[in-house]
C-alpha atoms as a PDB file:
ATOM      1  CA  MET A   1      74.330  68.773 180.737  1.00  0.00           C
ATOM      2  CA  THR A   2      74.820  70.286 177.306  1.00  0.00           C
ATOM      3  CA  ARG A   3      71.841  71.837 175.643  1.00  0.00           C
ATOM      4  CA  LEU A   4      71.476  70.971 171.999  1.00  0.00           C
ATOM      5  CA  ARG A   5      70.272  73.374 169.381  1.00  0.00           C
ATOM      6  CA  ARG A   6      68.141  72.126 166.573  1.00  0.00           C
ATOM      7  CA  GLY A   7      70.334  70.859 163.718  1.00  0.00           C
ATOM      8  CA  SER A   8      73.430  70.391 165.804  1.00  0.00           C
ATOM      9  CA  SER A   9      74.820  67.575 167.840  1.00  0.00           C
ATOM     10  CA  THR A  10      77.614  66.979 170.270  1.00  0.00           C
ATOM     11  CA  THR A  11      79.264  64.601 167.799  1.00  0.00           C
ATOM     12  CA  GLY A  12      79.694  67.279 165.118  1.00  0.00           C
ATOM     13  CA  VAL A  13      77.379  65.486 162.699  1.00  0.00           C
ATOM     14  CA  ASP A  14      75.105  67.923 160.862  1.00  0.00           C
ATOM     15  CA  SER A  15      71.499  66.940 161.057  1.00  0.00           C
ATOM     16  CA  GLY A  16      69.787  68.883 158.301  1.00  0.00           C
ATOM     17  CA  GLY A  17      69.724  72.710 158.260  1.00  0.00           C
ATOM     18  CA  ALA A  18      73.401  73.322 157.702  1.00  0.00           C
ATOM     19  CA  ALA A  19      73.607  70.521 155.115  1.00  0.00           C
ATOM     20  CA  ARG A  20      70.693  72.031 153.145  1.00  0.00           C
ATOM     21  CA  ARG A  21      72.312  75.451 153.340  1.00  0.00           C
ATOM     22  CA  ASP A  22      75.605  74.015 152.054  1.00  0.00           C
ATOM     23  CA  MET A  23      73.800  72.258 149.187  1.00  0.00           C
ATOM     24  CA  ARG A  24      72.001  75.491 148.213  1.00  0.00           C
ATOM     25  CA  LEU A  25      75.262  77.421 148.354  1.00  0.00           C
ATOM     26  CA  SER A  26      76.958  74.779 146.238  1.00  0.00           C
ATOM     27  CA  TRP A  27      74.093  74.922 143.711  1.00  0.00           C
ATOM     28  CA  VAL A  28      74.223  78.749 143.568  1.00  0.00           C
ATOM     29  CA  LEU A  29      77.993  78.703 143.078  1.00  0.00           C
ATOM     30  CA  THR A  30      77.669  76.111 140.298  1.00  0.00           C
ATOM     31  CA  VAL A  31      75.003  78.150 138.478  1.00  0.00           C
ATOM     32  CA  LEU A  32      77.068  81.325 138.934  1.00  0.00           C
ATOM     33  CA  SER A  33      80.148  79.573 137.555  1.00  0.00           C
ATOM     34  CA  ILE A  34      78.216  78.365 134.492  1.00  0.00           C
ATOM     35  CA  CYS A  35      76.819  81.865 133.869  1.00  0.00           C
ATOM     36  CA  LEU A  36      80.239  83.502 134.162  1.00  0.00           C
ATOM     37  CA  SER A  37      81.733  80.908 131.836  1.00  0.00           C
ATOM     38  CA  ALA A  38      78.983  81.548 129.272  1.00  0.00           C
ATOM     39  CA  LEU A  39      79.543  85.308 129.521  1.00  0.00           C
ATOM     40  CA  ALA A  40      83.287  84.918 129.063  1.00  0.00           C
ATOM     41  CA  THR A  41      82.731  82.708 126.016  1.00  0.00           C
ATOM     42  CA  ALA A  42      80.241  85.165 124.534  1.00  0.00           C
ATOM     43  CA  ALA A  43      82.587  88.086 125.197  1.00  0.00           C
ATOM     44  CA  GLY A  44      85.420  86.202 123.480  1.00  0.00           C
ATOM     45  CA  ALA A  45      83.255  85.441 120.466  1.00  0.00           C
ATOM     46  CA  GLU A  46      82.017  89.031 120.375  1.00  0.00           C
ATOM     47  CA  GLY A  47      85.598  90.292 120.488  1.00  0.00           C
ATOM     48  CA  LYS A  48      86.450  88.238 117.408  1.00  0.00           C
ATOM     49  CA  ARG A  49      83.729  89.989 115.423  1.00  0.00           C
ATOM     50  CA  LYS A  50      85.171  93.466 115.728  1.00  0.00           C
ATOM     51  CA  LEU A  51      86.835  95.338 112.896  1.00  0.00           C
ATOM     52  CA  GLN A  52      90.550  95.852 113.570  1.00  0.00           C
ATOM     53  CA  ILE A  53      92.241  98.915 112.101  1.00  0.00           C
ATOM     54  CA  GLY A  54      96.003  99.335 112.159  1.00  0.00           C
ATOM     55  CA  VAL A  55      97.842 102.352 110.777  1.00  0.00           C
ATOM     56  CA  LYS A  56     100.920 101.181 108.850  1.00  0.00           C
ATOM     57  CA  LYS A  57     101.994 104.587 107.518  1.00  0.00           C
ATOM     58  CA  ARG A  58     100.977 107.941 108.976  1.00  0.00           C
ATOM     59  CA  VAL A  59     100.953 111.210 107.071  1.00  0.00           C
ATOM     60  CA  ASP A  60     102.461 114.399 108.520  1.00  0.00           C
ATOM     61  CA  HIS A  61     100.327 116.911 106.627  1.00  0.00           C
ATOM     62  CA  CYS A  62      96.647 115.962 106.367  1.00  0.00           C
ATOM     63  CA  PRO A  63      94.415 118.836 105.250  1.00  0.00           C
ATOM     64  CA  ILE A  64      91.388 116.574 104.648  1.00  0.00           C
ATOM     65  CA  LYS A  65      90.352 113.211 106.050  1.00  0.00           C
ATOM     66  CA  SER A  66      88.061 110.774 104.292  1.00  0.00           C
ATOM     67  CA  ARG A  67      84.398 110.912 105.213  1.00  0.00           C
ATOM     68  CA  LYS A  68      81.094 109.479 104.043  1.00  0.00           C
ATOM     69  CA  GLY A  69      80.326 110.513 100.452  1.00  0.00           C
ATOM     70  CA  ASP A  70      83.954 111.083  99.410  1.00  0.00           C
ATOM     71  CA  VAL A  71      85.209 109.343  96.278  1.00  0.00           C
ATOM     72  CA  LEU A  72      88.354 107.428  97.250  1.00  0.00           C
ATOM     73  CA  HIS A  73      91.147 106.161  95.005  1.00  0.00           C
ATOM     74  CA  MET A  74      92.733 103.162  96.737  1.00  0.00           C
ATOM     75  CA  HIS A  75      95.407 100.570  96.210  1.00  0.00           C
ATOM     76  CA  TYR A  76      94.784  97.356  98.136  1.00  0.00           C
ATOM     77  CA  THR A  77      95.761  93.748  98.601  1.00  0.00           C
ATOM     78  CA  GLY A  78      93.241  91.342 100.111  1.00  0.00           C
ATOM     79  CA  LYS A  79      94.225  88.108 101.831  1.00  0.00           C
ATOM     80  CA  LEU A  80      92.568  85.390 103.860  1.00  0.00           C
ATOM     81  CA  GLU A  81      93.765  84.838 107.428  1.00  0.00           C
ATOM     82  CA  ASP A  82      96.077  82.052 106.247  1.00  0.00           C
ATOM     83  CA  GLY A  83      97.873  84.516 103.936  1.00  0.00           C
ATOM     84  CA  THR A  84      96.257  83.384 100.676  1.00  0.00           C
ATOM     85  CA  GLU A  85      95.894  86.432  98.426  1.00  0.00           C
ATOM     86  CA  PHE A  86      92.505  86.700  96.742  1.00  0.00           C
ATOM     87  CA  ASP A  87      92.682  90.140  95.099  1.00  0.00           C
ATOM     88  CA  SER A  88      94.929  93.151  94.559  1.00  0.00           C
ATOM     89  CA  SER A  89      94.918  96.402  92.612  1.00  0.00           C
ATOM     90  CA  LEU A  90      98.726  96.527  92.529  1.00  0.00           C
ATOM     91  CA  PRO A  91      99.577  94.197  89.594  1.00  0.00           C
ATOM     92  CA  GLN A  92      97.509  96.276  87.166  1.00  0.00           C
ATOM     93  CA  ASN A  93      98.600  99.549  88.830  1.00  0.00           C
ATOM     94  CA  GLN A  94      94.934 100.514  88.558  1.00  0.00           C
ATOM     95  CA  PRO A  95      93.520 102.113  91.728  1.00  0.00           C
ATOM     96  CA  PHE A  96      90.077 101.063  92.898  1.00  0.00           C
ATOM     97  CA  VAL A  97      87.688 104.046  92.888  1.00  0.00           C
ATOM     98  CA  PHE A  98      84.436 104.135  94.892  1.00  0.00           C
ATOM     99  CA  SER A  99      82.240 106.352  97.047  1.00  0.00           C
ATOM    100  CA  LEU A 100      82.800 105.828 100.779  1.00  0.00           C
ATOM    101  CA  GLY A 101      79.882 105.046 103.075  1.00  0.00           C
ATOM    102  CA  THR A 102      77.351 104.366 100.331  1.00  0.00           C
ATOM    103  CA  GLY A 103      77.349 100.557 100.290  1.00  0.00           C
ATOM    104  CA  GLN A 104      79.501 100.215  97.160  1.00  0.00           C
ATOM    105  CA  VAL A 105      82.043  98.164  99.132  1.00  0.00           C
ATOM    106  CA  ILE A 106      81.878  95.736 102.052  1.00  0.00           C
ATOM    107  CA  LYS A 107      80.907  97.199 105.433  1.00  0.00           C
ATOM    108  CA  GLY A 108      84.420  96.655 106.793  1.00  0.00           C
ATOM    109  CA  TRP A 109      85.772  99.070 104.183  1.00  0.00           C
ATOM    110  CA  ASP A 110      82.986 101.631 104.674  1.00  0.00           C
ATOM    111  CA  GLN A 111      83.863 101.660 108.396  1.00  0.00           C
ATOM    112  CA  GLY A 112      87.614 101.053 108.283  1.00  0.00           C
ATOM    113  CA  LEU A 113      88.513 103.749 105.751  1.00  0.00           C
ATOM    114  CA  LEU A 114      86.839 106.658 107.535  1.00  0.00           C
ATOM    115  CA  GLY A 115      89.197 109.394 108.705  1.00  0.00           C
ATOM    116  CA  MET A 116      92.076 108.446 106.403  1.00  0.00           C
ATOM    117  CA  CYS A 117      94.520 110.901 104.876  1.00  0.00           C
ATOM    118  CA  GLU A 118      95.924 110.834 101.347  1.00  0.00           C
ATOM    119  CA  GLY A 119      99.110 108.752 101.427  1.00  0.00           C
ATOM    120  CA  GLU A 120      98.098 106.866 104.592  1.00  0.00           C
ATOM    121  CA  LYS A 121      98.349 103.079 104.702  1.00  0.00           C
ATOM    122  CA  ARG A 122      96.229 100.840 106.923  1.00  0.00           C
ATOM    123  CA  LYS A 123      95.795  97.189 107.682  1.00  0.00           C
ATOM    124  CA  LEU A 124      92.167  96.124 108.120  1.00  0.00           C
ATOM    125  CA  VAL A 125      91.200  92.796 109.695  1.00  0.00           C
ATOM    126  CA  ILE A 126      87.558  92.377 108.746  1.00  0.00           C
ATOM    127  CA  PRO A 127      85.321  89.744 110.370  1.00  0.00           C
ATOM    128  CA  SER A 128      82.999  87.862 108.023  1.00  0.00           C
ATOM    129  CA  GLU A 129      79.957  89.790 109.303  1.00  0.00           C
ATOM    130  CA  LEU A 130      81.489  92.981 107.853  1.00  0.00           C
ATOM    131  CA  GLY A 131      82.809  91.201 104.754  1.00  0.00           C
ATOM    132  CA  TYR A 132      81.067  88.550 102.681  1.00  0.00           C
ATOM    133  CA  GLY A 133      79.303  86.749 105.541  1.00  0.00           C
ATOM    134  CA  GLU A 134      78.494  83.070 105.685  1.00  0.00           C
ATOM    135  CA  ARG A 135      78.028  82.858 101.903  1.00  0.00           C
ATOM    136  CA  GLY A 136      81.504  84.123 101.074  1.00  0.00           C
ATOM    137  CA  ALA A 137      82.446  85.067  97.514  1.00  0.00           C
ATOM    138  CA  PRO A 138      83.286  81.767  95.825  1.00  0.00           C
ATOM    139  CA  PRO A 139      85.579  80.496  94.604  1.00  0.00           C
ATOM    140  CA  LYS A 140      88.270  82.642  96.228  1.00  0.00           C
ATOM    141  CA  ILE A 141      86.593  83.667  99.509  1.00  0.00           C
ATOM    142  CA  PRO A 142      84.988  80.895 101.571  1.00  0.00           C
ATOM    143  CA  GLY A 143      81.943  81.457 103.760  1.00  0.00           C
ATOM    144  CA  GLY A 144      82.685  82.864 107.198  1.00  0.00           C
ATOM    145  CA  ALA A 145      86.127  84.122 106.147  1.00  0.00           C
ATOM    146  CA  THR A 146      87.954  86.849 108.030  1.00  0.00           C
ATOM    147  CA  LEU A 147      89.598  89.163 105.504  1.00  0.00           C
ATOM    148  CA  VAL A 148      92.906  91.007 105.857  1.00  0.00           C
ATOM    149  CA  PHE A 149      93.456  94.071 103.677  1.00  0.00           C
ATOM    150  CA  GLU A 150      96.525  96.259 103.234  1.00  0.00           C
ATOM    151  CA  VAL A 151      95.179  99.542 101.835  1.00  0.00           C
ATOM    152  CA  GLU A 152      96.674 102.844 100.705  1.00  0.00           C
ATOM    153  CA  LEU A 153      94.608 105.962 100.126  1.00  0.00           C
ATOM    154  CA  LEU A 154      95.957 107.671  97.010  1.00  0.00           C
ATOM    155  CA  LYS A 155      93.400 110.446  96.495  1.00  0.00           C
ATOM    156  CA  ILE A 156      90.233 111.897  98.037  1.00  0.00           C
ATOM    157  CA  GLU A 157      87.665 113.609  95.844  1.00  0.00           C
ATOM    158  CA  ARG A 158      85.461 115.694  98.074  1.00  0.00           C
ATOM    159  CA  ARG A 159      81.973 116.288  96.742  1.00  0.00           C
ATOM    160  CA  SER A 160      80.881 119.923  97.045  1.00  0.00           C
ATOM    161  CA  GLU A 161      78.322 120.513  99.786  1.00  0.00           C
ATOM    162  CA  LEU A 162      74.786 121.185  98.564  1.00  0.00           C
END
């Protein structure tokens, strides 16, 4: 005679314990899958919000690099992601002059222009959070726009240390 354990049978039909365990495992795996999917989605969205800095032209001799407080003379062209140009200093051949790291420009510039050398060219891809945000800058820059800038650092004016 075969002795039966609780929850098992000679016919292979599960009578409770194993079925509950399988259901719990299935539930845990489903919840885990949902959590991992949410994390992957959040990580993807977070990745889109990062400033991207590409060096288009390096400089061989670089005695000083731009830092917070420096006055920079820049040429730039700004475009939307679709390639629509919204501003440029080139047609007027008039460099844009501002103090770096003091809030005179969008955050993407204050961050993306640090450590540049005179004569260097960069491409900045600036998420809206570091640009003009959800409000944009109508009529040329819509809300939530990612901005693409080609910039060239022409001159650094270093303020004397106090």
